N, C-alpha and C. Protein backbone atom coordinates (compact mmCIF):
# COMPACT_ATOMS: atom_id res chain seq x y z
N MET A 1 0.82 -1.20 0.00
CA MET A 1 0.00 0.00 0.00
C MET A 1 0.86 1.26 0.00
N VAL A 2 1.92 1.27 0.86
CA VAL A 2 2.81 2.41 0.94
C VAL A 2 3.54 2.61 -0.39
N GLN A 3 3.97 1.52 -0.99
CA GLN A 3 4.67 1.59 -2.27
C GLN A 3 3.74 2.11 -3.36
N ALA A 4 2.50 1.73 -3.37
CA ALA A 4 1.52 2.21 -4.36
C ALA A 4 1.26 3.70 -4.16
N THR A 5 1.21 4.15 -2.92
CA THR A 5 1.00 5.57 -2.62
C THR A 5 2.19 6.40 -3.11
N ARG A 6 3.41 5.86 -2.90
CA ARG A 6 4.62 6.56 -3.37
C ARG A 6 4.60 6.69 -4.90
N LYS A 7 4.24 5.62 -5.58
CA LYS A 7 4.20 5.64 -7.04
C LYS A 7 3.17 6.67 -7.53
N LEU A 8 2.04 6.74 -6.87
CA LEU A 8 1.02 7.73 -7.22
C LEU A 8 1.55 9.14 -6.99
N ALA A 9 2.23 9.34 -5.86
CA ALA A 9 2.77 10.67 -5.54
C ALA A 9 3.83 11.09 -6.57
N VAL A 10 4.71 10.15 -6.94
CA VAL A 10 5.75 10.44 -7.93
C VAL A 10 5.10 10.73 -9.29
N GLY A 11 4.12 9.93 -9.67
CA GLY A 11 3.41 10.16 -10.94
C GLY A 11 2.71 11.50 -10.96
N PHE A 12 2.07 11.86 -9.86
CA PHE A 12 1.36 13.14 -9.77
C PHE A 12 2.35 14.31 -9.88
N THR A 13 3.48 14.21 -9.17
CA THR A 13 4.50 15.26 -9.22
C THR A 13 5.06 15.41 -10.62
N LEU A 14 5.33 14.30 -11.29
CA LEU A 14 5.83 14.32 -12.66
C LEU A 14 4.82 14.98 -13.60
N ALA A 15 3.55 14.64 -13.45
CA ALA A 15 2.50 15.23 -14.29
C ALA A 15 2.41 16.74 -14.08
N LEU A 16 2.50 17.17 -12.82
CA LEU A 16 2.46 18.61 -12.54
C LEU A 16 3.67 19.32 -13.16
N SER A 17 4.84 18.70 -13.07
CA SER A 17 6.04 19.31 -13.65
C SER A 17 5.92 19.46 -15.15
N LEU A 18 5.43 18.43 -15.83
CA LEU A 18 5.26 18.49 -17.27
C LEU A 18 4.22 19.54 -17.66
N THR A 19 3.15 19.63 -16.91
CA THR A 19 2.12 20.63 -17.18
C THR A 19 2.69 22.03 -17.03
N ALA A 20 3.47 22.25 -15.99
CA ALA A 20 4.06 23.57 -15.76
C ALA A 20 5.00 23.95 -16.89
N CYS A 21 5.76 22.98 -17.40
CA CYS A 21 6.69 23.27 -18.49
C CYS A 21 5.97 23.63 -19.78
N THR A 22 4.85 23.00 -20.05
CA THR A 22 4.16 23.25 -21.31
C THR A 22 3.25 24.46 -21.24
N MET A 23 2.95 24.97 -20.05
CA MET A 23 2.04 26.11 -19.95
C MET A 23 2.77 27.44 -19.99
N GLY A 24 4.08 27.43 -20.17
CA GLY A 24 4.85 28.66 -20.17
C GLY A 24 4.53 29.55 -21.34
N GLY A 25 3.95 29.02 -22.40
CA GLY A 25 3.61 29.84 -23.57
C GLY A 25 4.82 30.16 -24.40
N GLU A 26 4.65 31.12 -25.30
CA GLU A 26 5.73 31.53 -26.18
C GLU A 26 6.78 32.30 -25.40
N ARG A 27 8.01 32.22 -25.87
CA ARG A 27 9.08 32.97 -25.26
C ARG A 27 8.79 34.45 -25.45
N GLY A 28 8.86 35.21 -24.37
CA GLY A 28 8.60 36.63 -24.45
C GLY A 28 7.13 37.00 -24.37
N ALA A 29 6.27 36.00 -24.23
CA ALA A 29 4.84 36.28 -24.15
C ALA A 29 4.51 36.88 -22.80
N ILE A 30 3.48 37.66 -22.76
CA ILE A 30 3.01 38.25 -21.51
C ILE A 30 2.19 37.18 -20.80
N PRO A 31 2.49 36.89 -19.50
CA PRO A 31 1.73 35.87 -18.78
C PRO A 31 0.23 36.17 -18.84
N GLU A 32 -0.58 35.10 -18.87
CA GLU A 32 -2.03 35.28 -19.00
C GLU A 32 -2.61 36.17 -17.92
N SER A 33 -2.15 36.01 -16.67
CA SER A 33 -2.70 36.83 -15.60
C SER A 33 -2.42 38.31 -15.85
N SER A 34 -1.26 38.61 -16.43
CA SER A 34 -0.93 40.00 -16.76
C SER A 34 -1.65 40.46 -18.01
N ALA A 35 -1.81 39.55 -18.99
CA ALA A 35 -2.45 39.92 -20.25
C ALA A 35 -3.88 40.38 -20.01
N GLU A 36 -4.55 39.78 -19.02
CA GLU A 36 -5.92 40.18 -18.73
C GLU A 36 -5.96 41.59 -18.14
N GLN A 37 -4.84 42.07 -17.62
CA GLN A 37 -4.80 43.38 -16.98
C GLN A 37 -4.05 44.42 -17.82
N LEU A 38 -3.90 44.19 -19.11
CA LEU A 38 -3.22 45.15 -19.97
C LEU A 38 -3.98 46.47 -19.96
N ILE A 39 -3.24 47.54 -19.91
CA ILE A 39 -3.86 48.86 -19.94
C ILE A 39 -4.09 49.24 -21.40
N PRO A 40 -5.34 49.50 -21.79
CA PRO A 40 -5.61 49.90 -23.17
C PRO A 40 -4.90 51.22 -23.49
N LEU A 41 -4.48 51.38 -24.73
CA LEU A 41 -3.81 52.62 -25.15
C LEU A 41 -4.66 53.85 -24.84
N GLY A 42 -5.96 53.74 -25.03
CA GLY A 42 -6.84 54.88 -24.79
C GLY A 42 -6.88 55.33 -23.35
N ARG A 43 -6.39 54.47 -22.41
CA ARG A 43 -6.38 54.83 -21.00
C ARG A 43 -5.02 55.28 -20.51
N LEU A 44 -4.02 55.30 -21.40
CA LEU A 44 -2.71 55.81 -21.00
C LEU A 44 -2.81 57.30 -20.74
N LYS A 45 -1.97 57.79 -19.86
CA LYS A 45 -1.95 59.21 -19.54
C LYS A 45 -1.50 60.00 -20.76
N SER A 46 -2.23 61.07 -21.05
CA SER A 46 -1.83 61.89 -22.20
C SER A 46 -0.68 62.80 -21.80
N ILE A 47 0.07 63.23 -22.80
CA ILE A 47 1.17 64.16 -22.54
C ILE A 47 0.79 65.53 -23.08
N ASP A 48 1.31 66.55 -22.45
CA ASP A 48 1.01 67.91 -22.87
C ASP A 48 2.02 68.35 -23.91
N LEU A 49 1.53 68.67 -25.07
CA LEU A 49 2.40 69.16 -26.13
C LEU A 49 2.21 70.66 -26.33
N SER A 50 1.49 71.29 -25.43
CA SER A 50 1.24 72.74 -25.47
C SER A 50 0.78 73.20 -26.85
N GLY A 51 -0.18 72.49 -27.41
CA GLY A 51 -0.74 72.88 -28.71
C GLY A 51 0.17 72.57 -29.88
N ASP A 52 1.23 71.80 -29.64
CA ASP A 52 2.19 71.50 -30.71
C ASP A 52 1.84 70.30 -31.55
N LEU A 53 0.76 69.61 -31.24
CA LEU A 53 0.39 68.47 -32.06
C LEU A 53 0.03 68.98 -33.44
N PRO A 54 0.77 68.57 -34.46
CA PRO A 54 0.46 69.08 -35.80
C PRO A 54 -0.97 68.76 -36.19
N ALA A 55 -1.65 69.74 -36.73
CA ALA A 55 -3.05 69.57 -37.11
C ALA A 55 -3.13 68.79 -38.42
N ALA A 56 -4.09 67.89 -38.49
CA ALA A 56 -4.37 67.18 -39.73
C ALA A 56 -5.85 67.36 -40.03
N GLU A 57 -6.17 67.61 -41.27
CA GLU A 57 -7.53 67.95 -41.67
C GLU A 57 -8.55 66.88 -41.32
N GLU A 58 -8.14 65.61 -41.28
CA GLU A 58 -9.11 64.55 -41.05
C GLU A 58 -9.53 64.37 -39.59
N PHE A 59 -8.90 65.08 -38.66
CA PHE A 59 -9.31 64.98 -37.26
C PHE A 59 -10.58 65.77 -37.04
N PRO A 60 -11.64 65.11 -36.57
CA PRO A 60 -12.86 65.85 -36.28
C PRO A 60 -12.61 66.81 -35.10
N GLU A 61 -13.22 67.96 -35.14
CA GLU A 61 -13.04 68.97 -34.09
C GLU A 61 -13.46 68.44 -32.72
N SER A 62 -14.52 67.62 -32.68
CA SER A 62 -15.03 67.15 -31.40
C SER A 62 -14.15 66.09 -30.73
N LYS A 63 -13.37 65.39 -31.50
CA LYS A 63 -12.53 64.33 -30.94
C LYS A 63 -11.08 64.51 -31.39
N PRO A 64 -10.36 65.41 -30.76
CA PRO A 64 -8.96 65.59 -31.15
C PRO A 64 -8.12 64.39 -30.73
N PRO A 65 -6.99 64.19 -31.37
CA PRO A 65 -6.13 63.08 -30.99
C PRO A 65 -5.55 63.30 -29.59
N LYS A 66 -5.21 62.20 -28.93
CA LYS A 66 -4.63 62.24 -27.59
C LYS A 66 -3.18 61.78 -27.71
N ALA A 67 -2.24 62.67 -27.49
CA ALA A 67 -0.82 62.32 -27.56
C ALA A 67 -0.45 61.49 -26.34
N VAL A 68 0.16 60.31 -26.57
CA VAL A 68 0.53 59.42 -25.47
C VAL A 68 2.04 59.19 -25.39
N GLY A 69 2.78 59.67 -26.38
CA GLY A 69 4.23 59.51 -26.36
C GLY A 69 4.91 60.41 -27.37
N GLU A 70 6.10 60.84 -27.01
CA GLU A 70 6.89 61.69 -27.90
C GLU A 70 8.37 61.48 -27.63
N LEU A 71 9.17 61.64 -28.68
CA LEU A 71 10.62 61.65 -28.54
C LEU A 71 11.22 62.39 -29.71
N ARG A 72 12.49 62.70 -29.59
CA ARG A 72 13.24 63.33 -30.69
C ARG A 72 14.30 62.36 -31.18
N LYS A 73 14.53 62.41 -32.47
CA LYS A 73 15.65 61.68 -33.08
C LYS A 73 16.26 62.65 -34.08
N GLY A 74 17.38 63.24 -33.69
CA GLY A 74 18.00 64.26 -34.53
C GLY A 74 17.06 65.44 -34.67
N PRO A 75 16.86 65.93 -35.90
CA PRO A 75 16.00 67.10 -36.11
C PRO A 75 14.51 66.75 -36.23
N ARG A 76 14.12 65.53 -35.86
CA ARG A 76 12.73 65.08 -36.01
C ARG A 76 12.07 64.81 -34.66
N ARG A 77 10.76 65.07 -34.61
CA ARG A 77 9.94 64.70 -33.46
C ARG A 77 9.04 63.55 -33.89
N LEU A 78 8.95 62.52 -33.09
CA LEU A 78 8.03 61.42 -33.31
C LEU A 78 6.94 61.54 -32.25
N ILE A 79 5.71 61.71 -32.67
CA ILE A 79 4.58 61.90 -31.76
C ILE A 79 3.59 60.76 -31.99
N ALA A 80 3.38 59.94 -30.95
CA ALA A 80 2.42 58.83 -31.01
C ALA A 80 1.12 59.29 -30.36
N TYR A 81 0.00 58.96 -31.00
CA TYR A 81 -1.29 59.38 -30.47
C TYR A 81 -2.35 58.31 -30.69
N THR A 82 -3.43 58.44 -29.95
CA THR A 82 -4.60 57.57 -30.15
C THR A 82 -5.78 58.46 -30.49
N GLN A 83 -6.74 57.88 -31.18
CA GLN A 83 -7.96 58.59 -31.51
C GLN A 83 -9.03 57.60 -31.92
N GLU A 84 -10.10 57.53 -31.13
CA GLU A 84 -11.28 56.73 -31.46
C GLU A 84 -10.96 55.37 -32.06
N GLY A 85 -10.28 54.51 -31.32
CA GLY A 85 -10.03 53.16 -31.80
C GLY A 85 -8.92 53.03 -32.81
N SER A 86 -8.02 53.97 -32.84
CA SER A 86 -6.90 53.87 -33.76
C SER A 86 -5.63 54.45 -33.14
N CYS A 87 -4.50 54.10 -33.75
CA CYS A 87 -3.19 54.61 -33.37
C CYS A 87 -2.72 55.53 -34.48
N GLY A 88 -1.89 56.48 -34.11
CA GLY A 88 -1.32 57.35 -35.12
C GLY A 88 0.10 57.73 -34.80
N LEU A 89 0.83 58.08 -35.83
CA LEU A 89 2.21 58.54 -35.69
C LEU A 89 2.42 59.74 -36.59
N LEU A 90 2.93 60.80 -35.99
CA LEU A 90 3.35 61.97 -36.75
C LEU A 90 4.85 62.10 -36.59
N VAL A 91 5.55 62.23 -37.69
CA VAL A 91 6.98 62.55 -37.67
C VAL A 91 7.07 63.95 -38.24
N ALA A 92 7.55 64.86 -37.40
CA ALA A 92 7.57 66.27 -37.79
C ALA A 92 8.95 66.86 -37.59
N ASP A 93 9.18 67.97 -38.26
CA ASP A 93 10.41 68.73 -38.08
C ASP A 93 10.39 69.33 -36.67
N ALA A 94 11.45 69.14 -35.90
CA ALA A 94 11.49 69.63 -34.52
C ALA A 94 11.45 71.15 -34.46
N ALA A 95 11.98 71.83 -35.47
CA ALA A 95 11.97 73.28 -35.49
C ALA A 95 10.61 73.85 -35.88
N ASN A 96 9.84 73.08 -36.66
CA ASN A 96 8.53 73.52 -37.10
C ASN A 96 7.59 72.32 -37.04
N SER A 97 7.01 72.08 -35.86
CA SER A 97 6.22 70.86 -35.66
C SER A 97 4.92 70.84 -36.47
N LYS A 98 4.54 71.94 -37.07
CA LYS A 98 3.35 71.95 -37.92
C LYS A 98 3.65 71.35 -39.30
N GLN A 99 4.92 71.15 -39.60
CA GLN A 99 5.33 70.58 -40.88
C GLN A 99 5.62 69.09 -40.68
N SER A 100 4.65 68.25 -41.00
CA SER A 100 4.85 66.81 -40.80
C SER A 100 5.46 66.17 -42.04
N LEU A 101 6.37 65.24 -41.78
CA LEU A 101 7.01 64.47 -42.86
C LEU A 101 6.25 63.18 -43.11
N ILE A 102 5.78 62.57 -42.02
CA ILE A 102 5.02 61.32 -42.10
C ILE A 102 3.82 61.47 -41.17
N ASP A 103 2.67 61.04 -41.64
CA ASP A 103 1.44 61.05 -40.83
C ASP A 103 0.68 59.78 -41.19
N ILE A 104 0.78 58.77 -40.33
CA ILE A 104 0.12 57.49 -40.61
C ILE A 104 -0.80 57.10 -39.45
N THR A 105 -1.88 56.42 -39.78
CA THR A 105 -2.81 55.92 -38.76
C THR A 105 -3.21 54.49 -39.11
N SER A 106 -3.60 53.76 -38.07
CA SER A 106 -4.06 52.38 -38.26
C SER A 106 -5.09 52.08 -37.18
N ALA A 107 -6.21 51.50 -37.57
CA ALA A 107 -7.26 51.13 -36.62
C ALA A 107 -6.85 49.89 -35.84
N TRP A 108 -7.34 49.78 -34.61
CA TRP A 108 -7.11 48.57 -33.82
C TRP A 108 -7.77 47.40 -34.52
N PRO A 109 -7.17 46.21 -34.45
CA PRO A 109 -7.85 45.04 -35.00
C PRO A 109 -9.22 44.86 -34.33
N LYS A 110 -10.21 44.42 -35.09
CA LYS A 110 -11.57 44.28 -34.57
C LYS A 110 -11.72 43.09 -33.64
N ASN A 111 -10.91 42.04 -33.86
CA ASN A 111 -10.98 40.86 -32.98
C ASN A 111 -9.62 40.18 -32.95
N ASP A 112 -9.52 39.16 -32.11
CA ASP A 112 -8.23 38.48 -31.91
C ASP A 112 -7.74 37.69 -33.11
N SER A 113 -8.62 37.37 -34.05
CA SER A 113 -8.19 36.59 -35.21
C SER A 113 -7.73 37.50 -36.36
N GLU A 114 -7.88 38.79 -36.20
CA GLU A 114 -7.50 39.74 -37.25
C GLU A 114 -6.13 40.34 -36.91
N GLY A 115 -5.30 40.54 -37.88
CA GLY A 115 -4.02 41.22 -37.67
C GLY A 115 -2.85 40.28 -37.42
N SER A 116 -1.71 40.91 -37.15
CA SER A 116 -0.44 40.21 -36.99
C SER A 116 -0.15 39.95 -35.51
N LYS A 117 0.55 38.88 -35.24
CA LYS A 117 0.98 38.56 -33.88
C LYS A 117 2.51 38.70 -33.79
N ARG A 118 3.06 39.63 -34.52
CA ARG A 118 4.51 39.81 -34.57
C ARG A 118 5.10 40.13 -33.20
N TYR A 119 4.38 40.88 -32.38
CA TYR A 119 4.85 41.26 -31.05
C TYR A 119 3.84 40.81 -30.00
N PRO A 120 4.29 40.67 -28.73
CA PRO A 120 3.34 40.38 -27.65
C PRO A 120 2.32 41.52 -27.51
N ALA A 121 1.22 41.25 -26.81
CA ALA A 121 0.13 42.21 -26.57
C ALA A 121 -0.65 42.53 -27.84
N GLY A 122 -0.65 41.61 -28.79
CA GLY A 122 -1.36 41.81 -30.05
C GLY A 122 -2.72 41.18 -30.02
N PRO A 123 -3.36 41.06 -31.13
CA PRO A 123 -2.86 41.22 -32.49
C PRO A 123 -2.71 42.69 -32.88
N TYR A 124 -1.95 42.92 -33.96
CA TYR A 124 -1.65 44.26 -34.44
C TYR A 124 -2.13 44.47 -35.87
N SER A 125 -2.63 45.66 -36.13
CA SER A 125 -2.82 46.07 -37.52
C SER A 125 -1.52 46.76 -37.91
N PHE A 126 -1.32 47.00 -39.19
CA PHE A 126 -0.03 47.50 -39.66
C PHE A 126 -0.21 48.53 -40.76
N THR A 127 0.62 49.55 -40.70
CA THR A 127 0.72 50.51 -41.79
C THR A 127 2.14 51.06 -41.81
N SER A 128 2.53 51.67 -42.92
CA SER A 128 3.86 52.28 -42.99
C SER A 128 3.82 53.46 -43.93
N GLY A 129 4.83 54.29 -43.84
CA GLY A 129 4.91 55.46 -44.70
C GLY A 129 6.33 55.98 -44.79
N ALA A 130 6.58 56.73 -45.83
CA ALA A 130 7.91 57.31 -46.05
C ALA A 130 7.80 58.82 -46.14
N GLY A 131 8.86 59.48 -45.70
CA GLY A 131 8.93 60.93 -45.83
C GLY A 131 9.42 61.30 -47.22
N SER A 132 9.77 62.54 -47.38
CA SER A 132 10.28 63.00 -48.67
C SER A 132 11.60 62.32 -49.00
N SER A 133 11.98 62.35 -50.26
CA SER A 133 13.22 61.69 -50.66
C SER A 133 14.44 62.36 -50.02
N GLU A 134 14.38 63.66 -49.74
CA GLU A 134 15.51 64.34 -49.10
C GLU A 134 15.69 63.88 -47.66
N SER A 135 14.58 63.62 -46.97
CA SER A 135 14.69 63.25 -45.55
C SER A 135 15.10 61.80 -45.34
N GLU A 136 14.90 60.96 -46.36
CA GLU A 136 15.20 59.53 -46.25
C GLU A 136 14.67 58.96 -44.94
N THR A 137 13.42 59.26 -44.65
CA THR A 137 12.77 58.84 -43.42
C THR A 137 11.69 57.83 -43.74
N TRP A 138 11.61 56.78 -42.93
CA TRP A 138 10.61 55.75 -43.11
C TRP A 138 10.11 55.29 -41.75
N ALA A 139 8.82 54.98 -41.63
CA ALA A 139 8.27 54.49 -40.37
C ALA A 139 7.19 53.45 -40.63
N SER A 140 7.15 52.46 -39.77
CA SER A 140 6.04 51.51 -39.79
C SER A 140 5.39 51.55 -38.42
N LEU A 141 4.09 51.30 -38.40
CA LEU A 141 3.31 51.38 -37.17
C LEU A 141 2.51 50.10 -36.99
N TYR A 142 2.78 49.40 -35.90
CA TYR A 142 1.99 48.25 -35.51
C TYR A 142 1.07 48.73 -34.39
N CYS A 143 -0.23 48.49 -34.53
CA CYS A 143 -1.22 49.04 -33.61
C CYS A 143 -2.09 47.94 -33.00
N SER A 144 -2.09 47.84 -31.68
CA SER A 144 -3.03 46.95 -30.99
C SER A 144 -3.77 47.78 -29.95
N LYS A 145 -4.70 47.17 -29.26
CA LYS A 145 -5.45 47.91 -28.25
C LYS A 145 -4.58 48.23 -27.03
N ALA A 146 -3.48 47.49 -26.84
CA ALA A 146 -2.64 47.67 -25.65
C ALA A 146 -1.25 48.23 -25.94
N ALA A 147 -0.85 48.32 -27.20
CA ALA A 147 0.51 48.79 -27.51
C ALA A 147 0.61 49.30 -28.93
N MET A 148 1.58 50.18 -29.12
CA MET A 148 2.00 50.62 -30.45
C MET A 148 3.48 50.27 -30.56
N VAL A 149 3.87 49.73 -31.69
CA VAL A 149 5.28 49.48 -31.96
C VAL A 149 5.61 50.23 -33.24
N ILE A 150 6.60 51.10 -33.14
CA ILE A 150 7.03 51.92 -34.27
C ILE A 150 8.43 51.49 -34.66
N GLU A 151 8.62 51.15 -35.92
CA GLU A 151 9.96 50.89 -36.45
C GLU A 151 10.31 52.10 -37.29
N TYR A 152 11.34 52.82 -36.88
CA TYR A 152 11.67 54.10 -37.49
C TYR A 152 13.09 54.07 -38.04
N SER A 153 13.25 54.60 -39.23
CA SER A 153 14.57 54.66 -39.85
C SER A 153 14.74 56.01 -40.53
N SER A 154 15.90 56.62 -40.32
CA SER A 154 16.20 57.90 -40.96
C SER A 154 17.71 58.02 -41.13
N LYS A 155 18.13 59.02 -41.88
CA LYS A 155 19.57 59.18 -42.11
C LYS A 155 20.26 59.93 -40.97
N GLU A 156 19.49 60.40 -39.97
CA GLU A 156 20.10 61.10 -38.84
C GLU A 156 20.83 60.12 -37.95
N HIS A 157 22.09 60.37 -37.69
CA HIS A 157 22.88 59.51 -36.80
C HIS A 157 22.84 60.10 -35.41
N ALA A 158 21.65 60.13 -34.81
CA ALA A 158 21.48 60.71 -33.48
C ALA A 158 20.70 59.74 -32.61
N PRO A 159 21.03 59.71 -31.32
CA PRO A 159 20.25 58.84 -30.43
C PRO A 159 18.88 59.45 -30.15
N ALA A 160 17.97 58.62 -29.67
CA ALA A 160 16.65 59.12 -29.26
C ALA A 160 16.85 59.95 -27.99
N SER A 161 16.08 61.04 -27.88
CA SER A 161 16.18 61.90 -26.70
C SER A 161 14.83 62.53 -26.39
N ASP A 162 14.77 63.24 -25.27
CA ASP A 162 13.58 64.00 -24.87
C ASP A 162 12.31 63.15 -24.89
N GLN A 163 12.37 61.96 -24.31
CA GLN A 163 11.20 61.08 -24.30
C GLN A 163 10.17 61.59 -23.29
N LYS A 164 8.90 61.56 -23.71
CA LYS A 164 7.78 61.94 -22.85
C LYS A 164 6.70 60.88 -22.97
N GLY A 165 6.01 60.61 -21.88
CA GLY A 165 4.89 59.69 -21.92
C GLY A 165 5.29 58.25 -21.71
N SER A 166 4.43 57.35 -22.13
CA SER A 166 4.62 55.90 -21.95
C SER A 166 5.44 55.33 -23.09
N VAL A 167 6.72 55.73 -23.17
CA VAL A 167 7.59 55.42 -24.30
C VAL A 167 8.85 54.70 -23.84
N SER A 168 9.24 53.68 -24.58
CA SER A 168 10.55 53.05 -24.43
C SER A 168 11.12 52.87 -25.82
N THR A 169 12.46 52.91 -25.93
CA THR A 169 13.10 52.78 -27.23
C THR A 169 14.22 51.76 -27.20
N LYS A 170 14.56 51.28 -28.39
CA LYS A 170 15.70 50.37 -28.53
C LYS A 170 16.39 50.69 -29.86
N ALA A 171 17.63 51.12 -29.76
CA ALA A 171 18.44 51.33 -30.96
C ALA A 171 18.98 49.97 -31.37
N HIS A 172 19.15 49.74 -32.67
CA HIS A 172 19.61 48.45 -33.14
C HIS A 172 21.12 48.44 -33.29
N GLN A 173 21.74 47.38 -32.79
CA GLN A 173 23.20 47.24 -32.82
C GLN A 173 23.74 47.43 -34.23
N GLY A 174 24.73 48.29 -34.35
CA GLY A 174 25.39 48.49 -35.63
C GLY A 174 24.59 49.31 -36.63
N ASP A 175 23.42 49.80 -36.24
CA ASP A 175 22.60 50.57 -37.16
C ASP A 175 22.00 51.76 -36.41
N SER A 176 22.75 52.85 -36.31
CA SER A 176 22.30 54.01 -35.53
C SER A 176 21.14 54.73 -36.19
N ASP A 177 20.83 54.38 -37.43
CA ASP A 177 19.72 55.03 -38.13
C ASP A 177 18.38 54.39 -37.80
N SER A 178 18.39 53.19 -37.24
CA SER A 178 17.17 52.42 -37.03
C SER A 178 16.82 52.37 -35.54
N LEU A 179 15.52 52.52 -35.25
CA LEU A 179 15.05 52.62 -33.87
C LEU A 179 13.70 51.92 -33.74
N THR A 180 13.50 51.17 -32.66
CA THR A 180 12.19 50.62 -32.33
C THR A 180 11.65 51.40 -31.15
N VAL A 181 10.41 51.88 -31.28
CA VAL A 181 9.76 52.67 -30.24
C VAL A 181 8.51 51.91 -29.82
N VAL A 182 8.32 51.75 -28.51
CA VAL A 182 7.14 51.05 -28.01
C VAL A 182 6.36 51.97 -27.08
N ILE A 183 5.05 52.04 -27.31
CA ILE A 183 4.14 52.83 -26.49
C ILE A 183 3.21 51.85 -25.79
N GLY A 184 3.07 51.97 -24.47
CA GLY A 184 2.19 51.10 -23.71
C GLY A 184 2.54 51.14 -22.25
N SER A 185 1.96 50.23 -21.48
CA SER A 185 2.26 50.15 -20.05
C SER A 185 3.71 49.69 -19.87
N PRO A 186 4.31 49.94 -18.70
CA PRO A 186 5.71 49.54 -18.50
C PRO A 186 5.97 48.05 -18.75
N GLU A 187 5.08 47.17 -18.28
CA GLU A 187 5.28 45.72 -18.47
C GLU A 187 5.23 45.34 -19.95
N VAL A 188 4.30 45.92 -20.67
CA VAL A 188 4.17 45.64 -22.10
C VAL A 188 5.41 46.12 -22.85
N ARG A 189 5.87 47.33 -22.55
CA ARG A 189 7.06 47.86 -23.23
C ARG A 189 8.28 46.97 -22.99
N LYS A 190 8.48 46.55 -21.76
CA LYS A 190 9.63 45.72 -21.41
C LYS A 190 9.58 44.39 -22.17
N THR A 191 8.41 43.77 -22.21
CA THR A 191 8.26 42.48 -22.89
C THR A 191 8.50 42.61 -24.38
N ILE A 192 7.95 43.64 -25.00
CA ILE A 192 8.10 43.83 -26.45
C ILE A 192 9.54 44.15 -26.81
N LEU A 193 10.20 45.01 -26.04
CA LEU A 193 11.58 45.37 -26.37
C LEU A 193 12.54 44.20 -26.22
N ARG A 194 12.24 43.26 -25.34
CA ARG A 194 13.08 42.05 -25.23
C ARG A 194 13.05 41.27 -26.54
N GLN A 195 11.94 41.32 -27.23
CA GLN A 195 11.77 40.57 -28.48
C GLN A 195 12.22 41.37 -29.71
N ALA A 196 12.16 42.69 -29.63
CA ALA A 196 12.45 43.54 -30.80
C ALA A 196 13.90 43.48 -31.22
């Protein structure tokens, strides 16, 4: 009887160990308990740009965009915003923020089966845009309800600076022109940048 009980206990412990190993999910994934508590982009604290958010004709007067992150890279300002179920990115001249080089928006995916799962906290919709040929600036925007991931490339050999809001960045080794910018809660940013 004692020997049978020991075998059952060993079998039960082995089963629990195997279950724990297989429930870890994808590498870099946000744990399920945390994923349920993700802060939606629309609930992130807005940043004050003192009226510097470049105006775009398609913004309805009643619902202006909400800036949630900003940084500088050389002579450019990158401004991330949300507006009525979508993400947006404005890349503007730092000396004249009303002059935008890139202005792209992407709606949040409508459900979990729509969009890309390239990064944690998805799914993501995707859009990209390029600036003028002189600026050699390019940006892509991945948009989910809990995070924005911006892949930015320009000819400016300058580090990111003057970060405001819920922003984290990662410069790519050996490529000072390329930058990944993540907007979201601190846990989401940390998880995404580990994978970027």
